[in-house]
Each structure stands twice: as structure tokens, then as C-alpha cells.
Full PDB file with SEQRES, HELIX, SHEET, SSBOND, CRYST1, ORIGX, SCALE, CONECT and MASTER records, all heavy atoms in Angstrom:
SEQRES   1 A   36  LEU ASN PHE LEU LEU PRO ASN SER ILE SER ASP THR ARG          
SEQRES   2 A   36  VAL PHE ASN SER GLY SER ALA THR LEU SER GLY ILE GLU          
SEQRES   3 A   36  LEU GLU ALA SER ALA PHE LEU SER SER LYS                      
SHEET    1 AA1 2 ASN A   2  LEU A   4  0                                        
SHEET    2 AA1 2 THR A  12  VAL A  14 -1                                        
CRYST1    1.000    1.000    1.000  90.00  90.00  90.00 P 1           1          
ORIGX1      1.000000  0.000000  0.000000        0.00000                         
ORIGX2      0.000000  1.000000  0.000000        0.00000                         
ORIGX3      0.000000  0.000000  1.000000        0.00000                         
SCALE1      1.000000  0.000000  0.000000        0.00000                         
SCALE2      0.000000  1.000000  0.000000        0.00000                         
SCALE3      0.000000  0.000000  1.000000        0.00000                         
ATOM      1  N   LEU A   1     -14.857 -24.755   6.375  1.00  0.00           N  
ATOM      2  CA  LEU A   1     -14.773 -23.491   5.660  1.00  0.00           C  
ATOM      3  C   LEU A   1     -15.083 -23.666   4.211  1.00  0.00           C  
ATOM      4  O   LEU A   1     -14.597 -24.597   3.509  1.00  0.00           O  
ATOM      5  CB  LEU A   1     -13.392 -22.857   5.825  1.00  0.00           C  
ATOM      6  CG  LEU A   1     -13.000 -22.489   7.254  1.00  0.00           C  
ATOM      7  CD1 LEU A   1     -11.555 -21.908   7.262  1.00  0.00           C  
ATOM      8  CD2 LEU A   1     -13.952 -21.524   7.899  1.00  0.00           C  
ATOM      9  N   ASN A   2     -15.863 -22.711   3.645  1.00  0.00           N  
ATOM     10  CA  ASN A   2     -16.216 -22.704   2.208  1.00  0.00           C  
ATOM     11  C   ASN A   2     -15.190 -21.857   1.465  1.00  0.00           C  
ATOM     12  O   ASN A   2     -14.878 -20.709   1.777  1.00  0.00           O  
ATOM     13  CB  ASN A   2     -17.596 -22.086   2.035  1.00  0.00           C  
ATOM     14  CG  ASN A   2     -18.695 -23.071   2.142  1.00  0.00           C  
ATOM     15  OD1 ASN A   2     -18.773 -24.056   1.386  1.00  0.00           O  
ATOM     16  ND2 ASN A   2     -19.577 -22.877   3.100  1.00  0.00           N  
ATOM     17  N   PHE A   3     -14.667 -22.417   0.363  1.00  0.00           N  
ATOM     18  CA  PHE A   3     -13.737 -21.694  -0.543  1.00  0.00           C  
ATOM     19  C   PHE A   3     -14.386 -21.593  -1.905  1.00  0.00           C  
ATOM     20  O   PHE A   3     -14.826 -22.609  -2.463  1.00  0.00           O  
ATOM     21  CB  PHE A   3     -12.386 -22.424  -0.642  1.00  0.00           C  
ATOM     22  CG  PHE A   3     -11.565 -22.400   0.639  1.00  0.00           C  
ATOM     23  CD1 PHE A   3     -11.797 -23.363   1.620  1.00  0.00           C  
ATOM     24  CD2 PHE A   3     -10.634 -21.425   0.848  1.00  0.00           C  
ATOM     25  CE1 PHE A   3     -11.078 -23.348   2.797  1.00  0.00           C  
ATOM     26  CE2 PHE A   3      -9.848 -21.425   2.017  1.00  0.00           C  
ATOM     27  CZ  PHE A   3     -10.131 -22.359   3.006  1.00  0.00           C  
ATOM     28  N   LEU A   4     -14.346 -20.412  -2.445  1.00  0.00           N  
ATOM     29  CA  LEU A   4     -14.870 -20.200  -3.808  1.00  0.00           C  
ATOM     30  C   LEU A   4     -13.958 -20.748  -4.873  1.00  0.00           C  
ATOM     31  O   LEU A   4     -12.738 -20.544  -4.821  1.00  0.00           O  
ATOM     32  CB  LEU A   4     -15.132 -18.714  -4.103  1.00  0.00           C  
ATOM     33  CG  LEU A   4     -15.778 -18.344  -5.401  1.00  0.00           C  
ATOM     34  CD1 LEU A   4     -17.218 -18.765  -5.377  1.00  0.00           C  
ATOM     35  CD2 LEU A   4     -15.676 -16.818  -5.624  1.00  0.00           C  
ATOM     36  N   LEU A   5     -14.533 -21.551  -5.780  1.00  0.00           N  
ATOM     37  CA  LEU A   5     -13.695 -22.117  -6.835  1.00  0.00           C  
ATOM     38  C   LEU A   5     -13.257 -21.057  -7.830  1.00  0.00           C  
ATOM     39  O   LEU A   5     -14.020 -20.171  -8.167  1.00  0.00           O  
ATOM     40  CB  LEU A   5     -14.424 -23.233  -7.588  1.00  0.00           C  
ATOM     41  CG  LEU A   5     -14.279 -24.671  -6.999  1.00  0.00           C  
ATOM     42  CD1 LEU A   5     -14.896 -24.791  -5.636  1.00  0.00           C  
ATOM     43  CD2 LEU A   5     -15.003 -25.675  -7.929  1.00  0.00           C  
ATOM     44  N   PRO A   6     -12.038 -21.155  -8.396  1.00  0.00           N  
ATOM     45  CA  PRO A   6     -11.560 -20.160  -9.374  1.00  0.00           C  
ATOM     46  C   PRO A   6     -12.490 -20.124 -10.604  1.00  0.00           C  
ATOM     47  O   PRO A   6     -13.082 -21.154 -10.961  1.00  0.00           O  
ATOM     48  CB  PRO A   6     -10.161 -20.649  -9.734  1.00  0.00           C  
ATOM     49  CG  PRO A   6      -9.749 -21.498  -8.571  1.00  0.00           C  
ATOM     50  CD  PRO A   6     -10.985 -22.114  -8.020  1.00  0.00           C  
ATOM     51  N   ASN A   7     -12.662 -18.939 -11.177  1.00  0.00           N  
ATOM     52  CA  ASN A   7     -13.470 -18.719 -12.382  1.00  0.00           C  
ATOM     53  C   ASN A   7     -14.953 -19.164 -12.142  1.00  0.00           C  
ATOM     54  O   ASN A   7     -15.643 -19.586 -13.031  1.00  0.00           O  
ATOM     55  CB  ASN A   7     -12.941 -19.508 -13.573  1.00  0.00           C  
ATOM     56  CG  ASN A   7     -11.519 -19.135 -13.917  1.00  0.00           C  
ATOM     57  OD1 ASN A   7     -11.101 -17.962 -13.742  1.00  0.00           O  
ATOM     58  ND2 ASN A   7     -10.769 -20.102 -14.346  1.00  0.00           N  
ATOM     59  N   SER A   8     -15.397 -18.905 -10.931  1.00  0.00           N  
ATOM     60  CA  SER A   8     -16.739 -19.298 -10.584  1.00  0.00           C  
ATOM     61  C   SER A   8     -17.435 -18.126  -9.811  1.00  0.00           C  
ATOM     62  O   SER A   8     -16.799 -17.353  -9.174  1.00  0.00           O  
ATOM     63  CB  SER A   8     -16.784 -20.550  -9.712  1.00  0.00           C  
ATOM     64  OG  SER A   8     -18.029 -20.808  -9.211  1.00  0.00           O  
ATOM     65  N   ILE A   9     -18.725 -18.122  -9.925  1.00  0.00           N  
ATOM     66  CA  ILE A   9     -19.546 -17.144  -9.230  1.00  0.00           C  
ATOM     67  C   ILE A   9     -20.046 -17.723  -7.855  1.00  0.00           C  
ATOM     68  O   ILE A   9     -19.996 -17.080  -6.849  1.00  0.00           O  
ATOM     69  CB  ILE A   9     -20.757 -16.625 -10.043  1.00  0.00           C  
ATOM     70  CG1 ILE A   9     -20.251 -15.842 -11.247  1.00  0.00           C  
ATOM     71  CG2 ILE A   9     -21.649 -15.752  -9.186  1.00  0.00           C  
ATOM     72  CD1 ILE A   9     -21.349 -15.370 -12.172  1.00  0.00           C  
ATOM     73  N   SER A  10     -20.539 -18.990  -7.965  1.00  0.00           N  
ATOM     74  CA  SER A  10     -21.145 -19.550  -6.743  1.00  0.00           C  
ATOM     75  C   SER A  10     -20.692 -20.979  -6.367  1.00  0.00           C  
ATOM     76  O   SER A  10     -21.129 -21.492  -5.371  1.00  0.00           O  
ATOM     77  CB  SER A  10     -22.665 -19.525  -6.948  1.00  0.00           C  
ATOM     78  OG  SER A  10     -23.019 -20.313  -8.039  1.00  0.00           O  
ATOM     79  N   ASP A  11     -19.789 -21.543  -7.216  1.00  0.00           N  
ATOM     80  CA  ASP A  11     -19.368 -22.900  -6.834  1.00  0.00           C  
ATOM     81  C   ASP A  11     -18.317 -22.825  -5.757  1.00  0.00           C  
ATOM     82  O   ASP A  11     -17.383 -22.030  -5.756  1.00  0.00           O  
ATOM     83  CB  ASP A  11     -18.740 -23.556  -8.122  1.00  0.00           C  
ATOM     84  CG  ASP A  11     -19.771 -23.825  -9.179  1.00  0.00           C  
ATOM     85  OD1 ASP A  11     -20.933 -23.919  -8.871  1.00  0.00           O  
ATOM     86  OD2 ASP A  11     -19.381 -23.869 -10.382  1.00  0.00           O  
ATOM     87  N   THR A  12     -18.471 -23.703  -4.763  1.00  0.00           N  
ATOM     88  CA  THR A  12     -17.553 -23.739  -3.627  1.00  0.00           C  
ATOM     89  C   THR A  12     -17.115 -25.149  -3.304  1.00  0.00           C  
ATOM     90  O   THR A  12     -17.669 -26.127  -3.723  1.00  0.00           O  
ATOM     91  CB  THR A  12     -18.241 -23.111  -2.388  1.00  0.00           C  
ATOM     92  OG1 THR A  12     -19.362 -23.952  -1.988  1.00  0.00           O  
ATOM     93  CG2 THR A  12     -18.756 -21.731  -2.622  1.00  0.00           C  
ATOM     94  N   ARG A  13     -16.081 -25.235  -2.479  1.00  0.00           N  
ATOM     95  CA  ARG A  13     -15.637 -26.504  -1.897  1.00  0.00           C  
ATOM     96  C   ARG A  13     -15.333 -26.297  -0.418  1.00  0.00           C  
ATOM     97  O   ARG A  13     -14.821 -25.238  -0.020  1.00  0.00           O  
ATOM     98  CB  ARG A  13     -14.346 -26.955  -2.652  1.00  0.00           C  
ATOM     99  CG  ARG A  13     -13.918 -28.389  -2.267  1.00  0.00           C  
ATOM    100  CD  ARG A  13     -13.041 -28.918  -3.390  1.00  0.00           C  
ATOM    101  NE  ARG A  13     -13.751 -29.031  -4.648  1.00  0.00           N  
ATOM    102  CZ  ARG A  13     -13.130 -29.011  -5.835  1.00  0.00           C  
ATOM    103  NH1 ARG A  13     -11.841 -28.969  -5.917  1.00  0.00           N  
ATOM    104  NH2 ARG A  13     -13.866 -29.079  -6.945  1.00  0.00           N  
ATOM    105  N   VAL A  14     -15.666 -27.268   0.397  1.00  0.00           N  
ATOM    106  CA  VAL A  14     -15.525 -27.149   1.868  1.00  0.00           C  
ATOM    107  C   VAL A  14     -14.317 -27.967   2.256  1.00  0.00           C  
ATOM    108  O   VAL A  14     -14.137 -29.128   1.890  1.00  0.00           O  
ATOM    109  CB  VAL A  14     -16.780 -27.712   2.584  1.00  0.00           C  
ATOM    110  CG1 VAL A  14     -16.591 -27.682   4.069  1.00  0.00           C  
ATOM    111  CG2 VAL A  14     -18.047 -26.888   2.139  1.00  0.00           C  
ATOM    112  N   PHE A  15     -13.488 -27.324   3.100  1.00  0.00           N  
ATOM    113  CA  PHE A  15     -12.327 -27.990   3.631  1.00  0.00           C  
ATOM    114  C   PHE A  15     -12.345 -27.823   5.202  1.00  0.00           C  
ATOM    115  O   PHE A  15     -12.761 -26.768   5.682  1.00  0.00           O  
ATOM    116  CB  PHE A  15     -11.013 -27.366   3.100  1.00  0.00           C  
ATOM    117  CG  PHE A  15     -10.785 -27.581   1.675  1.00  0.00           C  
ATOM    118  CD1 PHE A  15     -11.270 -26.606   0.721  1.00  0.00           C  
ATOM    119  CD2 PHE A  15     -10.114 -28.671   1.213  1.00  0.00           C  
ATOM    120  CE1 PHE A  15     -11.028 -26.835  -0.639  1.00  0.00           C  
ATOM    121  CE2 PHE A  15      -9.902 -28.889  -0.176  1.00  0.00           C  
ATOM    122  CZ  PHE A  15     -10.357 -27.933  -1.083  1.00  0.00           C  
ATOM    123  N   ASN A  16     -11.838 -28.820   5.910  1.00  0.00           N  
ATOM    124  CA  ASN A  16     -11.656 -28.748   7.358  1.00  0.00           C  
ATOM    125  C   ASN A  16     -10.267 -28.136   7.622  1.00  0.00           C  
ATOM    126  O   ASN A  16      -9.351 -28.768   8.056  1.00  0.00           O  
ATOM    127  CB  ASN A  16     -11.765 -30.119   8.031  1.00  0.00           C  
ATOM    128  CG  ASN A  16     -13.144 -30.710   7.970  1.00  0.00           C  
ATOM    129  OD1 ASN A  16     -13.452 -31.415   6.993  1.00  0.00           O  
ATOM    130  ND2 ASN A  16     -13.932 -30.414   8.907  1.00  0.00           N  
ATOM    131  N   SER A  17     -10.164 -26.806   7.373  1.00  0.00           N  
ATOM    132  CA  SER A  17      -8.838 -26.184   7.367  1.00  0.00           C  
ATOM    133  C   SER A  17      -8.788 -25.063   8.319  1.00  0.00           C  
ATOM    134  O   SER A  17      -7.796 -24.337   8.356  1.00  0.00           O  
ATOM    135  CB  SER A  17      -8.469 -25.714   5.987  1.00  0.00           C  
ATOM    136  OG  SER A  17      -9.443 -24.835   5.497  1.00  0.00           O  
ATOM    137  N   GLY A  18      -9.785 -24.883   9.169  1.00  0.00           N  
ATOM    138  CA  GLY A  18      -9.790 -23.688  10.014  1.00  0.00           C  
ATOM    139  C   GLY A  18      -9.777 -24.090  11.518  1.00  0.00           C  
ATOM    140  O   GLY A  18     -10.203 -25.146  11.926  1.00  0.00           O  
ATOM    141  N   SER A  19      -9.209 -23.170  12.322  1.00  0.00           N  
ATOM    142  CA  SER A  19      -9.313 -23.229  13.774  1.00  0.00           C  
ATOM    143  C   SER A  19      -9.661 -21.811  14.278  1.00  0.00           C  
ATOM    144  O   SER A  19      -9.226 -20.862  13.651  1.00  0.00           O  
ATOM    145  CB  SER A  19      -8.078 -23.781  14.407  1.00  0.00           C  
ATOM    146  OG  SER A  19      -6.983 -22.934  14.079  1.00  0.00           O  
ATOM    147  N   ALA A  20     -10.387 -21.816  15.335  1.00  0.00           N  
ATOM    148  CA  ALA A  20     -10.876 -20.470  15.786  1.00  0.00           C  
ATOM    149  C   ALA A  20     -11.032 -20.403  17.297  1.00  0.00           C  
ATOM    150  O   ALA A  20     -11.115 -21.471  17.966  1.00  0.00           O  
ATOM    151  CB  ALA A  20     -12.176 -20.085  15.091  1.00  0.00           C  
ATOM    152  N   THR A  21     -11.085 -19.199  17.811  1.00  0.00           N  
ATOM    153  CA  THR A  21     -11.404 -19.015  19.221  1.00  0.00           C  
ATOM    154  C   THR A  21     -12.561 -18.005  19.301  1.00  0.00           C  
ATOM    155  O   THR A  21     -12.634 -17.072  18.492  1.00  0.00           O  
ATOM    156  CB  THR A  21     -10.230 -18.536  20.039  1.00  0.00           C  
ATOM    157  OG1 THR A  21      -9.719 -17.302  19.512  1.00  0.00           O  
ATOM    158  CG2 THR A  21      -9.133 -19.567  20.058  1.00  0.00           C  
ATOM    159  N   LEU A  22     -13.426 -18.166  20.309  1.00  0.00           N  
ATOM    160  CA  LEU A  22     -14.497 -17.260  20.592  1.00  0.00           C  
ATOM    161  C   LEU A  22     -14.512 -16.974  22.096  1.00  0.00           C  
ATOM    162  O   LEU A  22     -14.262 -17.908  22.896  1.00  0.00           O  
ATOM    163  CB  LEU A  22     -15.852 -17.806  20.143  1.00  0.00           C  
ATOM    164  CG  LEU A  22     -16.110 -18.247  18.755  1.00  0.00           C  
ATOM    165  CD1 LEU A  22     -15.873 -19.757  18.664  1.00  0.00           C  
ATOM    166  CD2 LEU A  22     -17.564 -17.923  18.321  1.00  0.00           C  
ATOM    167  N   SER A  23     -14.708 -15.782  22.500  1.00  0.00           N  
ATOM    168  CA  SER A  23     -14.802 -15.433  23.902  1.00  0.00           C  
ATOM    169  C   SER A  23     -15.800 -14.303  24.045  1.00  0.00           C  
ATOM    170  O   SER A  23     -16.018 -13.530  23.140  1.00  0.00           O  
ATOM    171  CB  SER A  23     -13.438 -15.050  24.480  1.00  0.00           C  
ATOM    172  OG  SER A  23     -12.943 -13.922  23.769  1.00  0.00           O  
ATOM    173  N   GLY A  24     -16.369 -14.190  25.230  1.00  0.00           N  
ATOM    174  CA  GLY A  24     -17.302 -13.100  25.459  1.00  0.00           C  
ATOM    175  C   GLY A  24     -17.983 -13.201  26.800  1.00  0.00           C  
ATOM    176  O   GLY A  24     -17.719 -14.052  27.607  1.00  0.00           O  
ATOM    177  N   ILE A  25     -18.905 -12.253  27.003  1.00  0.00           N  
ATOM    178  CA  ILE A  25     -19.682 -12.220  28.202  1.00  0.00           C  
ATOM    179  C   ILE A  25     -21.200 -12.032  27.797  1.00  0.00           C  
ATOM    180  O   ILE A  25     -21.492 -11.439  26.758  1.00  0.00           O  
ATOM    181  CB  ILE A  25     -19.295 -11.151  29.183  1.00  0.00           C  
ATOM    182  CG1 ILE A  25     -19.402  -9.744  28.484  1.00  0.00           C  
ATOM    183  CG2 ILE A  25     -17.847 -11.321  29.682  1.00  0.00           C  
ATOM    184  CD1 ILE A  25     -19.195  -8.624  29.505  1.00  0.00           C  
ATOM    185  N   GLU A  26     -22.084 -12.546  28.651  1.00  0.00           N  
ATOM    186  CA  GLU A  26     -23.524 -12.372  28.441  1.00  0.00           C  
ATOM    187  C   GLU A  26     -24.148 -12.017  29.769  1.00  0.00           C  
ATOM    188  O   GLU A  26     -23.978 -12.682  30.749  1.00  0.00           O  
ATOM    189  CB  GLU A  26     -24.102 -13.688  27.891  1.00  0.00           C  
ATOM    190  CG  GLU A  26     -23.648 -13.960  26.470  1.00  0.00           C  
ATOM    191  CD  GLU A  26     -23.687 -15.416  26.046  1.00  0.00           C  
ATOM    192  OE1 GLU A  26     -23.854 -16.286  26.938  1.00  0.00           O  
ATOM    193  OE2 GLU A  26     -23.541 -15.748  24.847  1.00  0.00           O  
ATOM    194  N   LEU A  27     -24.918 -10.921  29.756  1.00  0.00           N  
ATOM    195  CA  LEU A  27     -25.442 -10.376  31.003  1.00  0.00           C  
ATOM    196  C   LEU A  27     -26.965 -10.167  30.789  1.00  0.00           C  
ATOM    197  O   LEU A  27     -27.369  -9.673  29.739  1.00  0.00           O  
ATOM    198  CB  LEU A  27     -24.771  -9.044  31.343  1.00  0.00           C  
ATOM    199  CG  LEU A  27     -25.250  -8.216  32.538  1.00  0.00           C  
ATOM    200  CD1 LEU A  27     -24.054  -7.414  33.104  1.00  0.00           C  
ATOM    201  CD2 LEU A  27     -26.450  -7.300  32.197  1.00  0.00           C  
ATOM    202  N   GLU A  28     -27.684 -10.575  31.829  1.00  0.00           N  
ATOM    203  CA  GLU A  28     -29.158 -10.385  31.834  1.00  0.00           C  
ATOM    204  C   GLU A  28     -29.544  -9.833  33.197  1.00  0.00           C  
ATOM    205  O   GLU A  28     -29.035 -10.319  34.222  1.00  0.00           O  
ATOM    206  CB  GLU A  28     -29.887 -11.696  31.588  1.00  0.00           C  
ATOM    207  CG  GLU A  28     -29.298 -12.641  30.582  1.00  0.00           C  
ATOM    208  CD  GLU A  28     -29.503 -12.206  29.183  1.00  0.00           C  
ATOM    209  OE1 GLU A  28     -30.430 -11.386  28.967  1.00  0.00           O  
ATOM    210  OE2 GLU A  28     -28.800 -12.684  28.288  1.00  0.00           O  
ATOM    211  N   ALA A  29     -30.429  -8.876  33.282  1.00  0.00           N  
ATOM    212  CA  ALA A  29     -30.872  -8.322  34.530  1.00  0.00           C  
ATOM    213  C   ALA A  29     -32.369  -7.877  34.473  1.00  0.00           C  
ATOM    214  O   ALA A  29     -32.781  -7.318  33.456  1.00  0.00           O  
ATOM    215  CB  ALA A  29     -30.041  -7.182  35.014  1.00  0.00           C  
ATOM    216  N   SER A  30     -33.134  -8.179  35.503  1.00  0.00           N  
ATOM    217  CA  SER A  30     -34.541  -7.674  35.591  1.00  0.00           C  
ATOM    218  C   SER A  30     -34.658  -7.098  36.984  1.00  0.00           C  
ATOM    219  O   SER A  30     -34.168  -7.689  38.002  1.00  0.00           O  
ATOM    220  CB  SER A  30     -35.485  -8.854  35.440  1.00  0.00           C  
ATOM    221  OG  SER A  30     -35.460  -9.405  34.128  1.00  0.00           O  
ATOM    222  N   ALA A  31     -35.363  -6.013  37.105  1.00  0.00           N  
ATOM    223  CA  ALA A  31     -35.512  -5.366  38.399  1.00  0.00           C  
ATOM    224  C   ALA A  31     -36.786  -4.540  38.443  1.00  0.00           C  
ATOM    225  O   ALA A  31     -37.077  -3.850  37.461  1.00  0.00           O  
ATOM    226  CB  ALA A  31     -34.323  -4.532  38.725  1.00  0.00           C  
ATOM    227  N   PHE A  32     -37.483  -4.613  39.522  1.00  0.00           N  
ATOM    228  CA  PHE A  32     -38.580  -3.666  39.860  1.00  0.00           C  
ATOM    229  C   PHE A  32     -37.930  -2.411  40.436  1.00  0.00           C  
ATOM    230  O   PHE A  32     -37.394  -2.439  41.552  1.00  0.00           O  
ATOM    231  CB  PHE A  32     -39.538  -4.252  40.855  1.00  0.00           C  
ATOM    232  CG  PHE A  32     -40.613  -5.113  40.239  1.00  0.00           C  
ATOM    233  CD1 PHE A  32     -40.571  -6.466  40.321  1.00  0.00           C  
ATOM    234  CD2 PHE A  32     -41.676  -4.501  39.547  1.00  0.00           C  
ATOM    235  CE1 PHE A  32     -41.544  -7.318  39.735  1.00  0.00           C  
ATOM    236  CE2 PHE A  32     -42.607  -5.281  38.949  1.00  0.00           C  
ATOM    237  CZ  PHE A  32     -42.623  -6.656  39.062  1.00  0.00           C  
ATOM    238  N   LEU A  33     -37.953  -1.331  39.695  1.00  0.00           N  
ATOM    239  CA  LEU A  33     -37.420  -0.078  40.180  1.00  0.00           C  
ATOM    240  C   LEU A  33     -38.413   0.589  41.112  1.00  0.00           C  
ATOM    241  O   LEU A  33     -38.032   1.486  41.891  1.00  0.00           O  
ATOM    242  CB  LEU A  33     -37.113   0.883  38.992  1.00  0.00           C  
ATOM    243  CG  LEU A  33     -36.088   0.270  37.966  1.00  0.00           C  
ATOM    244  CD1 LEU A  33     -35.800   1.291  36.856  1.00  0.00           C  
ATOM    245  CD2 LEU A  33     -34.863  -0.192  38.627  1.00  0.00           C  
ATOM    246  N   SER A  34     -39.675   0.246  40.943  1.00  0.00           N  
ATOM    247  CA  SER A  34     -40.756   0.627  41.870  1.00  0.00           C  
ATOM    248  C   SER A  34     -41.862  -0.330  41.690  1.00  0.00           C  
ATOM    249  O   SER A  34     -41.756  -1.268  40.841  1.00  0.00           O  
ATOM    250  CB  SER A  34     -41.240   2.084  41.571  1.00  0.00           C  
ATOM    251  OG  SER A  34     -42.015   2.100  40.411  1.00  0.00           O  
ATOM    252  N   SER A  35     -42.899  -0.178  42.457  1.00  0.00           N  
ATOM    253  CA  SER A  35     -44.054  -1.120  42.300  1.00  0.00           C  
ATOM    254  C   SER A  35     -44.683  -1.014  40.967  1.00  0.00           C  
ATOM    255  O   SER A  35     -45.443  -1.917  40.545  1.00  0.00           O  
ATOM    256  CB  SER A  35     -45.081  -0.895  43.414  1.00  0.00           C  
ATOM    257  OG  SER A  35     -45.592   0.411  43.318  1.00  0.00           O  
ATOM    258  N   LYS A  36     -44.480   0.050  40.267  1.00  0.00           N  
ATOM    259  CA  LYS A  36     -45.091   0.267  38.932  1.00  0.00           C  
ATOM    260  C   LYS A  36     -44.143   0.184  37.746  1.00  0.00           C  
ATOM    261  O   LYS A  36     -44.514   0.302  36.620  1.00  0.00           O  
ATOM    262  CB  LYS A  36     -45.770   1.623  38.915  1.00  0.00           C  
ATOM    263  CG  LYS A  36     -46.984   1.746  39.822  1.00  0.00           C  
ATOM    264  CD  LYS A  36     -47.577   3.138  39.703  1.00  0.00           C  
ATOM    265  CE  LYS A  36     -48.851   3.243  40.551  1.00  0.00           C  
ATOM    266  NZ  LYS A  36     -49.936   2.405  40.015  1.00  0.00           N  
TER     267      LYS A  36                                                      
MASTER        0    0    0    0    2    0    0    6  266    1    0    3          
END                                                                             
């Protein structure tokens, strides 16, 4: 994770201080509804 340094516009420091979860679904479908 990037943390902005105090009194700074763009200076940052990276720490391994985060944990997270992600979940979801992904769906794909193709079909001929008619010959055309």
C-alpha cells in the first residue's frame, strides 16, 4: 500500500500493511438465436 508522506504532494512510502478479500462472478454466453 502507498501512503502519502506528510507535507508532500506526491512523495509516498510503500508498506506491506494491508490484507484484503475479493469475490465475484464472471459470466459469458454466446448463442445463435436464429440462423441469422
